Amino acid sequence: MGYGQKLNEHIENTPGMSVNKLSKITGISSSTLYSIIKRDSAVRYDYAVRIANVLGIEVSDICKENPYSDSTEVLPGYPTIFPNALASS
């Protein structure tokens, strides 16, 4: 079972919730939510955070916990001069 089906289960198991109501609360279009469910596809991390907050579930139930865990991309860090700049002000 993929993330889309898990999302559908959570919607169905939340009293008074529907895809359209979730759409209105989260600001995510209902067509996007229906597409995620129908295709059983992954949920964008920023959408998953909004959905999880509304449904009272863990983000990891409907999305990879850390979307960068498989990435080989080096994430930006603080410039090395930054801490020194704060100390001298």
Protein backbone atom coordinates (compact mmCIF):
# COMPACT_ATOMS: atom_id res chain seq x y z
CA MET A 1 0.00 0.00 0.00
CA GLY A 2 1.39 3.33 -1.06
CA TYR A 3 1.13 6.77 0.47
CA GLY A 4 -1.96 7.72 -1.54
CA GLN A 5 -3.94 4.76 -0.21
CA LYS A 6 -2.74 5.47 3.32
CA LEU A 7 -3.92 9.06 2.93
CA ASN A 8 -7.31 7.83 1.74
CA GLU A 9 -7.62 5.53 4.77
CA HIS A 10 -6.82 8.39 7.15
CA ILE A 11 -9.41 10.61 5.47
CA GLU A 12 -12.04 7.85 5.68
CA ASN A 13 -11.18 7.14 9.34
CA THR A 14 -11.42 10.78 10.40
CA PRO A 15 -15.02 11.58 11.41
CA GLY A 16 -16.58 14.28 9.26
CA MET A 17 -13.60 14.47 6.91
CA SER A 18 -13.71 14.26 3.14
CA VAL A 19 -11.26 15.06 0.38
CA ASN A 20 -13.12 18.29 -0.35
CA LYS A 21 -13.11 19.36 3.30
CA LEU A 22 -9.39 18.51 3.63
CA SER A 23 -8.78 20.56 0.51
CA LYS A 24 -10.50 23.61 1.97
CA ILE A 25 -8.68 23.37 5.29
CA THR A 26 -5.19 22.75 3.88
CA GLY A 27 -5.39 24.90 0.76
CA ILE A 28 -4.37 21.92 -1.38
CA SER A 29 -6.62 21.56 -4.42
CA SER A 30 -9.06 18.67 -4.30
CA SER A 31 -7.89 17.57 -7.75
CA THR A 32 -4.35 17.23 -6.37
CA LEU A 33 -5.58 15.19 -3.40
CA TYR A 34 -7.73 12.95 -5.63
CA SER A 35 -4.75 12.47 -7.95
CA ILE A 36 -2.49 11.42 -5.06
CA ILE A 37 -5.11 8.90 -3.90
CA LYS A 38 -5.96 7.53 -7.36
CA ARG A 39 -2.34 7.17 -8.46
CA ASP A 40 -1.29 5.97 -4.97
CA SER A 41 1.62 8.36 -5.29
CA ALA A 42 3.86 10.13 -2.85
CA VAL A 43 2.71 13.29 -1.13
CA ARG A 44 4.89 16.39 -1.38
CA TYR A 45 6.52 16.98 1.98
CA ASP A 46 5.05 20.46 2.45
CA TYR A 47 1.58 19.10 1.66
CA ALA A 48 2.11 16.15 3.99
CA VAL A 49 2.90 18.49 6.88
CA ARG A 50 -0.35 20.41 6.32
CA ILE A 51 -2.39 17.22 5.95
CA ALA A 52 -0.83 15.57 9.00
CA ASN A 53 -1.62 18.60 11.15
CA VAL A 54 -5.27 18.55 10.09
CA LEU A 55 -5.76 14.79 10.39
CA GLY A 56 -3.71 14.46 13.59
CA ILE A 57 -1.34 11.87 12.13
CA GLU A 58 2.39 11.51 11.71
CA VAL A 59 3.92 12.92 8.53
CA SER A 60 5.66 9.58 8.00
CA ASP A 61 2.24 7.92 7.57
CA ILE A 62 1.77 9.67 4.21
CA CYS A 63 5.25 10.84 3.18
CA LYS A 64 8.92 10.08 3.59
CA GLU A 65 9.95 11.55 6.92
CA ASN A 66 12.98 13.28 5.44
CA PRO A 67 12.66 14.10 1.77
CA TYR A 68 16.41 14.66 1.54
CA SER A 69 17.53 11.32 2.98
CA ASP A 70 18.14 9.71 -0.44
CA SER A 71 19.55 12.83 -1.98
CA THR A 72 23.19 13.14 -2.87
CA GLU A 73 22.70 16.88 -2.99
CA VAL A 74 24.75 18.76 -0.45
CA LEU A 75 22.45 20.97 1.55
CA PRO A 76 23.55 24.52 2.26
CA GLY A 77 25.08 25.33 5.61
CA TYR A 78 26.02 28.50 7.42
CA PRO A 79 28.95 30.38 6.00
CA THR A 80 32.01 29.88 8.17
CA ILE A 81 32.23 33.64 8.74
CA PHE A 82 28.68 33.83 10.16
CA PRO A 83 29.44 32.89 13.82
CA ASN A 84 32.41 35.28 13.88
CA ALA A 85 30.29 38.10 12.52
CA LEU A 86 27.86 37.70 15.41
CA ALA A 87 30.60 37.57 18.01
CA SER A 88 32.17 40.83 16.82
CA SER A 89 28.99 42.92 16.83
